[in-house]
Amino acid sequence: GAPLPYLKAFVDAPSSLQASLPLPLQP
């Protein structure tokens, strides 16, 4: 199905971990 604007991929963590894991997540 089509993407939904309110259900997106994101790193569910504080900003420090988010910064080290940019999306799309590579291997």
PDB file of all heavy atoms in Angstrom:
ATOM      1  N   GLY A   1       0.816  -1.210   0.000  1.00  0.00           N
ATOM      2  CA  GLY A   1       0.000   0.000   0.000  1.00  0.00           C
ATOM      3  C   GLY A   1       0.843   1.250   0.000  1.00  0.00           C
ATOM      4  O   GLY A   1       2.072   1.213   0.179  1.00  0.00           O
ATOM      5  N   ALA A   2       0.172   2.375  -0.207  1.00  0.00           N
ATOM      6  CA  ALA A   2       0.857   3.663  -0.288  1.00  0.00           C
ATOM      7  C   ALA A   2       1.365   4.077   1.092  1.00  0.00           C
ATOM      8  O   ALA A   2       0.766   3.746   2.116  1.00  0.00           O
ATOM      9  CB  ALA A   2      -0.101   4.715  -0.840  1.00  0.00           C
ATOM     10  N   PRO A   3       2.465   4.831   1.136  1.00  0.00           N
ATOM     11  CA  PRO A   3       2.965   5.344   2.419  1.00  0.00           C
ATOM     12  C   PRO A   3       1.928   6.232   3.103  1.00  0.00           C
ATOM     13  O   PRO A   3       1.087   6.846   2.443  1.00  0.00           O
ATOM     14  CB  PRO A   3       4.205   6.152   2.015  1.00  0.00           C
ATOM     15  CG  PRO A   3       4.591   5.644   0.668  1.00  0.00           C
ATOM     16  CD  PRO A   3       3.322   5.223   0.003  1.00  0.00           C
ATOM     17  N   LEU A   4       1.984   6.287   4.426  1.00  0.00           N
ATOM     18  CA  LEU A   4       1.124   7.167   5.203  1.00  0.00           C
ATOM     19  C   LEU A   4       1.986   8.267   5.815  1.00  0.00           C
ATOM     20  O   LEU A   4       3.062   7.975   6.358  1.00  0.00           O
ATOM     21  CB  LEU A   4       0.406   6.387   6.303  1.00  0.00           C
ATOM     22  CG  LEU A   4      -0.626   5.366   5.815  1.00  0.00           C
ATOM     23  CD1 LEU A   4      -1.185   4.575   6.988  1.00  0.00           C
ATOM     24  CD2 LEU A   4      -1.749   6.057   5.054  1.00  0.00           C
ATOM     25  N   PRO A   5       1.549   9.517   5.751  1.00  0.00           N
ATOM     26  CA  PRO A   5       2.408  10.626   6.190  1.00  0.00           C
ATOM     27  C   PRO A   5       2.744  10.604   7.673  1.00  0.00           C
ATOM     28  O   PRO A   5       3.742  11.194   8.087  1.00  0.00           O
ATOM     29  CB  PRO A   5       1.586  11.873   5.821  1.00  0.00           C
ATOM     30  CG  PRO A   5       0.175  11.394   5.701  1.00  0.00           C
ATOM     31  CD  PRO A   5       0.262   9.983   5.207  1.00  0.00           C
ATOM     32  N   TYR A   6       1.941   9.939   8.476  1.00  0.00           N
ATOM     33  CA  TYR A   6       2.186   9.911   9.919  1.00  0.00           C
ATOM     34  C   TYR A   6       2.839   8.607  10.379  1.00  0.00           C
ATOM     35  O   TYR A   6       3.031   8.406  11.576  1.00  0.00           O
ATOM     36  CB  TYR A   6       0.876  10.139  10.679  1.00  0.00           C
ATOM     37  CG  TYR A   6      -0.258   9.246  10.226  1.00  0.00           C
ATOM     38  CD1 TYR A   6      -0.382   7.948  10.707  1.00  0.00           C
ATOM     39  CD2 TYR A   6      -1.198   9.691   9.312  1.00  0.00           C
ATOM     40  CE1 TYR A   6      -1.404   7.114  10.286  1.00  0.00           C
ATOM     41  CE2 TYR A   6      -2.241   8.869   8.885  1.00  0.00           C
ATOM     42  CZ  TYR A   6      -2.335   7.594   9.372  1.00  0.00           C
ATOM     43  OH  TYR A   6      -3.352   6.777   8.952  1.00  0.00           O
ATOM     44  N   LEU A   7       3.160   7.710   9.448  1.00  0.00           N
ATOM     45  CA  LEU A   7       3.858   6.461   9.789  1.00  0.00           C
ATOM     46  C   LEU A   7       5.129   6.382   8.955  1.00  0.00           C
ATOM     47  O   LEU A   7       5.148   5.780   7.883  1.00  0.00           O
ATOM     48  CB  LEU A   7       2.965   5.239   9.550  1.00  0.00           C
ATOM     49  CG  LEU A   7       1.803   5.027  10.511  1.00  0.00           C
ATOM     50  CD1 LEU A   7       0.966   3.820  10.101  1.00  0.00           C
ATOM     51  CD2 LEU A   7       2.282   4.877  11.948  1.00  0.00           C
ATOM     52  N   LYS A   8       6.161   7.033   9.439  1.00  0.00           N
ATOM     53  CA  LYS A   8       7.434   7.110   8.734  1.00  0.00           C
ATOM     54  C   LYS A   8       8.541   6.448   9.557  1.00  0.00           C
ATOM     55  O   LYS A   8       8.459   6.359  10.787  1.00  0.00           O
ATOM     56  CB  LYS A   8       7.814   8.575   8.480  1.00  0.00           C
ATOM     57  CG  LYS A   8       6.838   9.324   7.583  1.00  0.00           C
ATOM     58  CD  LYS A   8       6.883   8.806   6.167  1.00  0.00           C
ATOM     59  CE  LYS A   8       6.066   9.677   5.227  1.00  0.00           C
ATOM     60  NZ  LYS A   8       6.021   9.131   3.860  1.00  0.00           N
ATOM     61  N   ALA A   9       9.584   6.029   8.857  1.00  0.00           N
ATOM     62  CA  ALA A   9      10.746   5.461   9.543  1.00  0.00           C
ATOM     63  C   ALA A   9      11.522   6.573  10.253  1.00  0.00           C
ATOM     64  O   ALA A   9      11.711   7.663   9.705  1.00  0.00           O
ATOM     65  CB  ALA A   9      11.648   4.756   8.543  1.00  0.00           C
ATOM     66  N   PHE A  10      11.956   6.301  11.482  1.00  0.00           N
ATOM     67  CA  PHE A  10      12.835   7.224  12.216  1.00  0.00           C
ATOM     68  C   PHE A  10      13.535   6.451  13.322  1.00  0.00           C
ATOM     69  O   PHE A  10      13.028   5.431  13.800  1.00  0.00           O
ATOM     70  CB  PHE A  10      12.060   8.416  12.793  1.00  0.00           C
ATOM     71  CG  PHE A  10      11.079   8.059  13.881  1.00  0.00           C
ATOM     72  CD1 PHE A  10      11.454   8.083  15.223  1.00  0.00           C
ATOM     73  CD2 PHE A  10       9.773   7.690  13.570  1.00  0.00           C
ATOM     74  CE1 PHE A  10      10.557   7.754  16.227  1.00  0.00           C
ATOM     75  CE2 PHE A  10       8.867   7.355  14.566  1.00  0.00           C
ATOM     76  CZ  PHE A  10       9.270   7.390  15.902  1.00  0.00           C
ATOM     77  N   VAL A  11      14.709   6.946  13.694  1.00  0.00           N
ATOM     78  CA  VAL A  11      15.445   6.333  14.796  1.00  0.00           C
ATOM     79  C   VAL A  11      14.791   6.774  16.092  1.00  0.00           C
ATOM     80  O   VAL A  11      14.696   7.969  16.383  1.00  0.00           O
ATOM     81  CB  VAL A  11      16.930   6.725  14.759  1.00  0.00           C
ATOM     82  CG1 VAL A  11      17.661   6.169  15.985  1.00  0.00           C
ATOM     83  CG2 VAL A  11      17.571   6.205  13.470  1.00  0.00           C
ATOM     84  N   ASP A  12      14.307   5.813  16.872  1.00  0.00           N
ATOM     85  CA  ASP A  12      13.535   6.091  18.085  1.00  0.00           C
ATOM     86  C   ASP A  12      14.488   6.189  19.264  1.00  0.00           C
ATOM     87  O   ASP A  12      14.590   5.274  20.094  1.00  0.00           O
ATOM     88  CB  ASP A  12      12.506   4.977  18.293  1.00  0.00           C
ATOM     89  CG  ASP A  12      11.478   5.323  19.360  1.00  0.00           C
ATOM     90  OD1 ASP A  12      11.406   6.495  19.753  1.00  0.00           O
ATOM     91  OD2 ASP A  12      10.753   4.404  19.787  1.00  0.00           O
ATOM     92  N   ALA A  13      15.185   7.307  19.326  1.00  0.00           N
ATOM     93  CA  ALA A  13      16.259   7.447  20.310  1.00  0.00           C
ATOM     94  C   ALA A  13      16.579   8.931  20.497  1.00  0.00           C
ATOM     95  O   ALA A  13      16.136   9.776  19.701  1.00  0.00           O
ATOM     96  CB  ALA A  13      17.505   6.705  19.826  1.00  0.00           C
ATOM     97  N   PRO A  14      17.342   9.274  21.516  1.00  0.00           N
ATOM     98  CA  PRO A  14      17.790  10.656  21.667  1.00  0.00           C
ATOM     99  C   PRO A  14      18.576  11.119  20.439  1.00  0.00           C
ATOM    100  O   PRO A  14      19.072  10.319  19.647  1.00  0.00           O
ATOM    101  CB  PRO A  14      18.673  10.593  22.922  1.00  0.00           C
ATOM    102  CG  PRO A  14      18.165   9.405  23.679  1.00  0.00           C
ATOM    103  CD  PRO A  14      17.761   8.420  22.639  1.00  0.00           C
ATOM    104  N   SER A  15      18.714  12.437  20.312  1.00  0.00           N
ATOM    105  CA  SER A  15      19.309  13.029  19.111  1.00  0.00           C
ATOM    106  C   SER A  15      20.733  12.553  18.855  1.00  0.00           C
ATOM    107  O   SER A  15      21.168  12.468  17.702  1.00  0.00           O
ATOM    108  CB  SER A  15      19.280  14.555  19.211  1.00  0.00           C
ATOM    109  OG  SER A  15      19.940  14.993  20.395  1.00  0.00           O
ATOM    110  N   SER A  16      21.474  12.216  19.908  1.00  0.00           N
ATOM    111  CA  SER A  16      22.852  11.775  19.710  1.00  0.00           C
ATOM    112  C   SER A  16      22.920  10.489  18.906  1.00  0.00           C
ATOM    113  O   SER A  16      23.748  10.347  17.991  1.00  0.00           O
ATOM    114  CB  SER A  16      23.549  11.589  21.064  1.00  0.00           C
ATOM    115  OG  SER A  16      22.811  10.663  21.870  1.00  0.00           O
ATOM    116  N   LEU A  17      22.051   9.535  19.217  1.00  0.00           N
ATOM    117  CA  LEU A  17      22.031   8.284  18.458  1.00  0.00           C
ATOM    118  C   LEU A  17      21.423   8.505  17.081  1.00  0.00           C
ATOM    119  O   LEU A  17      21.882   7.921  16.091  1.00  0.00           O
ATOM    120  CB  LEU A  17      21.253   7.211  19.218  1.00  0.00           C
ATOM    121  CG  LEU A  17      21.267   5.805  18.588  1.00  0.00           C
ATOM    122  CD1 LEU A  17      22.704   5.289  18.443  1.00  0.00           C
ATOM    123  CD2 LEU A  17      20.437   4.822  19.405  1.00  0.00           C
ATOM    124  N   GLN A  18      20.421   9.363  16.986  1.00  0.00           N
ATOM    125  CA  GLN A  18      19.831   9.665  15.684  1.00  0.00           C
ATOM    126  C   GLN A  18      20.884  10.216  14.723  1.00  0.00           C
ATOM    127  O   GLN A  18      20.915   9.850  13.543  1.00  0.00           O
ATOM    128  CB  GLN A  18      18.695  10.684  15.833  1.00  0.00           C
ATOM    129  CG  GLN A  18      17.448  10.135  16.494  1.00  0.00           C
ATOM    130  CD  GLN A  18      16.330  11.169  16.539  1.00  0.00           C
ATOM    131  OE1 GLN A  18      16.464  12.275  16.021  1.00  0.00           O
ATOM    132  NE2 GLN A  18      15.226  10.818  17.172  1.00  0.00           N
ATOM    133  N   ALA A  19      21.739  11.094  15.234  1.00  0.00           N
ATOM    134  CA  ALA A  19      22.747  11.720  14.376  1.00  0.00           C
ATOM    135  C   ALA A  19      23.737  10.704  13.822  1.00  0.00           C
ATOM    136  O   ALA A  19      24.268  10.869  12.721  1.00  0.00           O
ATOM    137  CB  ALA A  19      23.482  12.809  15.156  1.00  0.00           C
ATOM    138  N   SER A  20      23.996   9.647  14.564  1.00  0.00           N
ATOM    139  CA  SER A  20      24.968   8.647  14.121  1.00  0.00           C
ATOM    140  C   SER A  20      24.359   7.585  13.216  1.00  0.00           C
ATOM    141  O   SER A  20      25.085   6.756  12.672  1.00  0.00           O
ATOM    142  CB  SER A  20      25.609   7.968  15.337  1.00  0.00           C
ATOM    143  OG  SER A  20      24.650   7.214  16.063  1.00  0.00           O
ATOM    144  N   LEU A  21      23.019   7.641  13.039  1.00  0.00           N
ATOM    145  CA  LEU A  21      22.329   6.619  12.249  1.00  0.00           C
ATOM    146  C   LEU A  21      21.373   7.284  11.259  1.00  0.00           C
ATOM    147  O   LEU A  21      20.149   7.221  11.400  1.00  0.00           O
ATOM    148  CB  LEU A  21      21.556   5.671  13.160  1.00  0.00           C
ATOM    149  CG  LEU A  21      22.381   4.804  14.113  1.00  0.00           C
ATOM    150  CD1 LEU A  21      21.485   4.113  15.128  1.00  0.00           C
ATOM    151  CD2 LEU A  21      23.190   3.774  13.338  1.00  0.00           C
ATOM    152  N   PRO A  22      21.895   7.954  10.239  1.00  0.00           N
ATOM    153  CA  PRO A  22      21.009   8.594   9.255  1.00  0.00           C
ATOM    154  C   PRO A  22      20.222   7.552   8.464  1.00  0.00           C
ATOM    155  O   PRO A  22      20.710   6.460   8.193  1.00  0.00           O
ATOM    156  CB  PRO A  22      21.984   9.361   8.358  1.00  0.00           C
ATOM    157  CG  PRO A  22      23.285   8.629   8.494  1.00  0.00           C
ATOM    158  CD  PRO A  22      23.325   8.120   9.906  1.00  0.00           C
ATOM    159  N   LEU A  23      19.002   7.928   8.104  1.00  0.00           N
ATOM    160  CA  LEU A  23      18.153   7.068   7.298  1.00  0.00           C
ATOM    161  C   LEU A  23      18.172   7.527   5.839  1.00  0.00           C
ATOM    162  O   LEU A  23      18.330   8.711   5.576  1.00  0.00           O
ATOM    163  CB  LEU A  23      16.718   7.078   7.831  1.00  0.00           C
ATOM    164  CG  LEU A  23      16.503   6.603   9.273  1.00  0.00           C
ATOM    165  CD1 LEU A  23      15.019   6.543   9.598  1.00  0.00           C
ATOM    166  CD2 LEU A  23      17.151   5.258   9.515  1.00  0.00           C
ATOM    167  N   PRO A  24      18.031   6.639   4.864  1.00  0.00           N
ATOM    168  CA  PRO A  24      17.783   5.202   5.043  1.00  0.00           C
ATOM    169  C   PRO A  24      18.982   4.491   5.656  1.00  0.00           C
ATOM    170  O   PRO A  24      20.129   4.805   5.334  1.00  0.00           O
ATOM    171  CB  PRO A  24      17.495   4.707   3.628  1.00  0.00           C
ATOM    172  CG  PRO A  24      18.161   5.693   2.731  1.00  0.00           C
ATOM    173  CD  PRO A  24      18.081   7.007   3.432  1.00  0.00           C
ATOM    174  N   LEU A  25      18.698   3.552   6.527  1.00  0.00           N
ATOM    175  CA  LEU A  25      19.732   2.858   7.270  1.00  0.00           C
ATOM    176  C   LEU A  25      20.494   1.910   6.353  1.00  0.00           C
ATOM    177  O   LEU A  25      19.917   1.013   5.745  1.00  0.00           O
ATOM    178  CB  LEU A  25      19.088   2.076   8.414  1.00  0.00           C
ATOM    179  CG  LEU A  25      19.929   1.769   9.652  1.00  0.00           C
ATOM    180  CD1 LEU A  25      20.460   3.045  10.284  1.00  0.00           C
ATOM    181  CD2 LEU A  25      19.093   0.988  10.664  1.00  0.00           C
ATOM    182  N   GLN A  26      21.773   2.147   6.212  1.00  0.00           N
ATOM    183  CA  GLN A  26      22.625   1.290   5.390  1.00  0.00           C
ATOM    184  C   GLN A  26      23.047   0.057   6.197  1.00  0.00           C
ATOM    185  O   GLN A  26      22.906   0.024   7.422  1.00  0.00           O
ATOM    186  CB  GLN A  26      23.847   2.066   4.928  1.00  0.00           C
ATOM    187  CG  GLN A  26      23.521   3.304   4.110  1.00  0.00           C
ATOM    188  CD  GLN A  26      22.708   2.986   2.875  1.00  0.00           C
ATOM    189  OE1 GLN A  26      23.023   2.052   2.135  1.00  0.00           O
ATOM    190  NE2 GLN A  26      21.637   3.752   2.647  1.00  0.00           N
ATOM    191  N   PRO A  27      23.584  -0.979   5.527  1.00  0.00           N
ATOM    192  CA  PRO A  27      23.971  -2.199   6.258  1.00  0.00           C
ATOM    193  C   PRO A  27      24.896  -1.932   7.440  1.00  0.00           C
ATOM    194  O   PRO A  27      24.735  -2.527   8.512  1.00  0.00           O
ATOM    195  CB  PRO A  27      24.645  -3.048   5.181  1.00  0.00           C
ATOM    196  CG  PRO A  27      23.984  -2.622   3.905  1.00  0.00           C
ATOM    197  CD  PRO A  27      23.714  -1.165   4.069  1.00  0.00           C
TER     198      PRO A  27
END
